[in-house]
Amino acid sequence: MTGRRTTLREQRRAETQRLIQAHAVRLFAARGYDDTTVNDVAEAAGVSAMTVYRHFPTKEDLVLADRNGPLVAERIAATPAGQPLVRRIGSALVESARSLTEGDDGFLLARLRLMIATPALRARHLDNHYVLQQAIVDGLGDEAADPDSAFRAAAAASACLAVMHTALVRWAEDDGRADLPDLIATALAAAFTIPDPARPDLR
């Protein structure tokens, strides 16, 4: 019974976070990030400002917080250990992008545009880069347990994330018309000369 209550509590917390963040991104996109306050977000979401801060400690977190790290880590853990690191990481990034864009109603694109256009968010974006890099290393588990292996994994992850960032910027500039997973796969193929960039070798 305790486990069930915990699960329901976690679900409600996740739903509240999604609701608050959706309203925040919508307001930031419509009014401007600097001209929208946390109180504005709280009012739109029907919660108190304290609730917003409980879920998002800073205003920047309302845009930057995401669930990409766990998705990528899960996919990294599921890839065959014999494949090159870049291939495994690239595959995980492509597939996580596929999961995030399925059924997306423009939230991801609006969020990305805010991150690119807002100086305060651009400055904090590097933090997300390090968090995702660490999630990738953690997803490798025992394979990155010693310092040398962890260093190689972090280097491969950082390179792949830089390539993905280029694809994300292109996707935003193209108003989200391109297929994001394919765009990331193409960028990875261009950077690492992986044959057949569209899909197969990154899967």
Protein backbone atom coordinates (compact mmCIF):
# COMPACT_ATOMS: atom_id res chain seq x y z
CA MET A 1 0.00 0.00 0.00
CA THR A 2 2.87 2.36 0.83
CA GLY A 3 4.45 1.67 -2.57
CA ARG A 4 1.17 2.48 -4.31
CA ARG A 5 0.82 5.78 -2.42
CA THR A 6 4.41 6.68 -3.32
CA THR A 7 3.76 5.94 -6.98
CA LEU A 8 0.58 8.02 -7.02
CA ARG A 9 2.38 10.85 -5.22
CA GLU A 10 5.18 10.76 -7.79
CA GLN A 11 2.65 10.75 -10.62
CA ARG A 12 0.83 13.76 -9.20
CA ARG A 13 4.12 15.57 -8.70
CA ALA A 14 5.14 14.88 -12.31
CA GLU A 15 1.76 16.06 -13.59
CA THR A 16 2.01 19.27 -11.57
CA GLN A 17 5.51 19.88 -12.92
CA ARG A 18 4.35 19.35 -16.51
CA LEU A 19 1.38 21.70 -15.99
CA ILE A 20 3.50 24.46 -14.49
CA GLN A 21 6.22 24.16 -17.11
CA ALA A 22 3.72 24.13 -19.98
CA HIS A 23 2.16 27.38 -18.76
CA ALA A 24 5.57 28.90 -18.14
CA VAL A 25 6.87 28.18 -21.63
CA ARG A 26 3.62 29.40 -23.18
CA LEU A 27 3.77 32.68 -21.26
CA PHE A 28 7.48 33.19 -21.87
CA ALA A 29 6.98 32.66 -25.60
CA ALA A 30 3.99 35.02 -25.75
CA ARG A 31 5.13 37.83 -23.42
CA GLY A 32 8.88 37.41 -23.29
CA TYR A 33 10.97 35.68 -20.66
CA ASP A 34 12.07 38.85 -18.86
CA ASP A 35 8.56 40.34 -18.87
CA THR A 36 6.92 37.28 -17.29
CA THR A 37 7.18 36.72 -13.55
CA VAL A 38 6.98 33.55 -11.52
CA ASN A 39 3.74 34.94 -10.06
CA ASP A 40 2.34 35.19 -13.59
CA VAL A 41 3.20 31.52 -14.14
CA ALA A 42 1.67 30.50 -10.83
CA GLU A 43 -1.57 32.33 -11.61
CA ALA A 44 -1.83 30.76 -15.07
CA ALA A 45 -1.19 27.28 -13.67
CA GLY A 46 -3.65 27.77 -10.79
CA VAL A 47 -1.06 27.18 -8.08
CA SER A 48 0.82 29.33 -5.58
CA ALA A 49 4.22 30.88 -6.29
CA MET A 50 5.56 28.72 -3.46
CA THR A 51 4.38 25.60 -5.33
CA VAL A 52 6.17 26.78 -8.46
CA TYR A 53 9.40 27.26 -6.51
CA ARG A 54 8.98 23.88 -4.84
CA HIS A 55 9.07 22.21 -8.25
CA PHE A 56 11.38 24.70 -10.01
CA PRO A 57 13.86 26.37 -7.63
CA THR A 58 14.75 29.13 -10.12
CA LYS A 59 12.95 30.90 -12.93
CA GLU A 60 15.45 29.46 -15.41
CA ASP A 61 14.50 25.93 -14.31
CA LEU A 62 10.99 26.52 -15.64
CA VAL A 63 12.51 26.29 -19.12
CA LEU A 64 15.64 24.23 -18.63
CA ALA A 65 14.27 21.32 -16.56
CA ASP A 66 13.63 18.24 -18.68
CA ARG A 67 13.47 14.44 -18.55
CA ASN A 68 16.03 13.79 -21.25
CA GLY A 69 18.76 12.55 -18.91
CA PRO A 70 16.89 9.46 -17.63
CA LEU A 71 15.68 8.64 -21.16
CA VAL A 72 19.20 8.75 -22.59
CA ALA A 73 20.65 6.79 -19.66
CA GLU A 74 18.06 4.02 -20.13
CA ARG A 75 18.86 3.73 -23.82
CA ILE A 76 22.60 3.77 -23.21
CA ALA A 77 22.24 0.93 -20.72
CA ALA A 78 20.28 -1.09 -23.29
CA THR A 79 22.87 -0.80 -26.10
CA PRO A 80 25.32 -3.65 -26.83
CA ALA A 81 28.61 -3.15 -25.00
CA GLY A 82 30.66 -4.19 -28.04
CA GLN A 83 29.67 -1.15 -30.11
CA PRO A 84 31.85 1.98 -30.23
CA LEU A 85 30.94 4.57 -27.59
CA VAL A 86 30.05 7.25 -30.12
CA ARG A 87 27.66 4.87 -31.88
CA ARG A 88 25.99 3.88 -28.63
CA ILE A 89 25.65 7.45 -27.39
CA GLY A 90 24.46 8.68 -30.78
CA SER A 91 21.82 5.97 -30.93
CA ALA A 92 20.59 6.87 -27.44
CA LEU A 93 20.35 10.57 -28.32
CA VAL A 94 18.42 9.87 -31.53
CA GLU A 95 15.98 7.52 -29.84
CA SER A 96 15.40 9.81 -26.86
CA ALA A 97 14.67 12.66 -29.29
CA ARG A 98 12.17 10.36 -31.01
CA SER A 99 10.41 9.70 -27.69
CA LEU A 100 10.34 13.39 -26.76
CA THR A 101 8.92 14.53 -30.11
CA GLU A 102 6.22 11.86 -30.42
CA GLY A 103 2.91 13.57 -29.82
CA ASP A 104 4.63 16.85 -28.95
CA ASP A 105 2.39 19.87 -29.59
CA GLY A 106 5.16 22.42 -30.07
CA PHE A 107 6.34 22.57 -26.45
CA LEU A 108 9.82 21.29 -27.24
CA LEU A 109 10.31 23.77 -30.08
CA ALA A 110 9.05 26.72 -28.00
CA ARG A 111 11.32 25.69 -25.13
CA LEU A 112 14.34 25.40 -27.43
CA ARG A 113 13.69 28.80 -28.98
CA LEU A 114 13.61 30.35 -25.52
CA MET A 115 16.90 28.69 -24.62
CA ILE A 116 18.55 30.03 -27.76
CA ALA A 117 17.11 33.56 -27.63
CA THR A 118 17.34 34.34 -23.89
CA PRO A 119 20.81 35.28 -22.57
CA ALA A 120 20.09 34.08 -19.01
CA LEU A 121 19.00 30.69 -20.33
CA ARG A 122 21.94 30.38 -22.72
CA ALA A 123 24.28 30.94 -19.78
CA ARG A 124 22.62 28.16 -17.78
CA HIS A 125 22.34 25.78 -20.75
CA LEU A 126 25.90 24.58 -20.15
CA ASP A 127 24.73 23.18 -16.81
CA ASN A 128 22.24 20.99 -18.67
CA HIS A 129 25.05 19.84 -20.93
CA TYR A 130 27.06 18.61 -17.94
CA VAL A 131 24.02 16.95 -16.35
CA LEU A 132 23.24 15.05 -19.55
CA GLN A 133 26.91 14.15 -20.01
CA GLN A 134 26.96 12.66 -16.50
CA ALA A 135 23.68 10.80 -17.17
CA ILE A 136 25.34 9.19 -20.20
CA VAL A 137 28.38 8.15 -18.17
CA ASP A 138 26.12 6.81 -15.41
CA GLY A 139 24.10 4.88 -17.99
CA LEU A 140 27.24 2.95 -18.92
CA GLY A 141 27.38 1.58 -15.37
CA ASP A 142 30.37 -0.65 -14.65
CA GLU A 143 31.82 0.08 -18.11
CA ALA A 144 32.75 3.57 -16.88
CA ALA A 145 33.59 2.60 -13.31
CA ASP A 146 37.32 3.38 -13.41
CA PRO A 147 38.66 6.93 -14.00
CA ASP A 148 40.12 6.23 -17.47
CA SER A 149 36.90 4.64 -18.75
CA ALA A 150 34.83 7.45 -17.26
CA PHE A 151 37.09 10.01 -18.94
CA ARG A 152 36.70 8.35 -22.36
CA ALA A 153 32.94 8.11 -21.88
CA ALA A 154 32.68 11.77 -20.85
CA ALA A 155 34.76 12.83 -23.86
CA ALA A 156 32.59 10.82 -26.28
CA ALA A 157 29.42 12.12 -24.63
CA SER A 158 30.58 15.73 -24.79
CA ALA A 159 31.41 15.41 -28.49
CA CYS A 160 28.03 13.84 -29.29
CA LEU A 161 26.18 16.49 -27.28
CA ALA A 162 27.96 19.29 -29.14
CA VAL A 163 26.86 17.73 -32.43
CA MET A 164 23.30 17.33 -31.14
CA HIS A 165 23.23 20.99 -30.11
CA THR A 166 24.05 21.97 -33.70
CA ALA A 167 21.13 19.85 -34.91
CA LEU A 168 18.79 21.39 -32.30
CA VAL A 169 19.70 24.92 -33.37
CA ARG A 170 19.10 24.00 -37.04
CA TRP A 171 15.75 22.44 -36.10
CA ALA A 172 14.68 25.62 -34.27
CA GLU A 173 15.80 27.84 -37.15
CA ASP A 174 13.75 25.65 -39.50
CA ASP A 175 10.65 26.12 -37.29
CA GLY A 176 10.62 22.43 -36.41
CA ARG A 177 9.73 21.35 -39.96
CA ALA A 178 12.47 18.71 -40.18
CA ASP A 179 12.28 15.40 -38.33
CA LEU A 180 14.43 16.05 -35.26
CA PRO A 181 15.71 12.47 -34.71
CA ASP A 182 16.77 12.25 -38.38
CA LEU A 183 18.42 15.66 -38.16
CA ILE A 184 20.43 14.56 -35.12
CA ALA A 185 21.37 11.31 -36.87
CA THR A 186 22.52 13.24 -39.95
CA ALA A 187 24.61 15.61 -37.82
CA LEU A 188 26.23 12.71 -35.96
CA ALA A 189 27.00 10.98 -39.25
CA ALA A 190 28.60 14.15 -40.61
CA ALA A 191 30.75 14.58 -37.50
CA PHE A 192 31.81 10.97 -37.07
CA THR A 193 31.54 9.71 -40.67
CA ILE A 194 29.04 7.03 -39.71
CA PRO A 195 27.67 5.39 -42.90
CA ASP A 196 24.00 5.77 -43.85
CA PRO A 197 23.13 8.72 -41.63
CA ALA A 198 19.36 8.45 -41.85
CA ARG A 199 18.94 5.72 -39.26
CA PRO A 200 20.30 2.17 -39.36
CA ASP A 201 23.83 2.56 -38.04
CA LEU A 202 22.71 4.74 -35.16
CA ARG A 203 20.13 2.24 -34.02
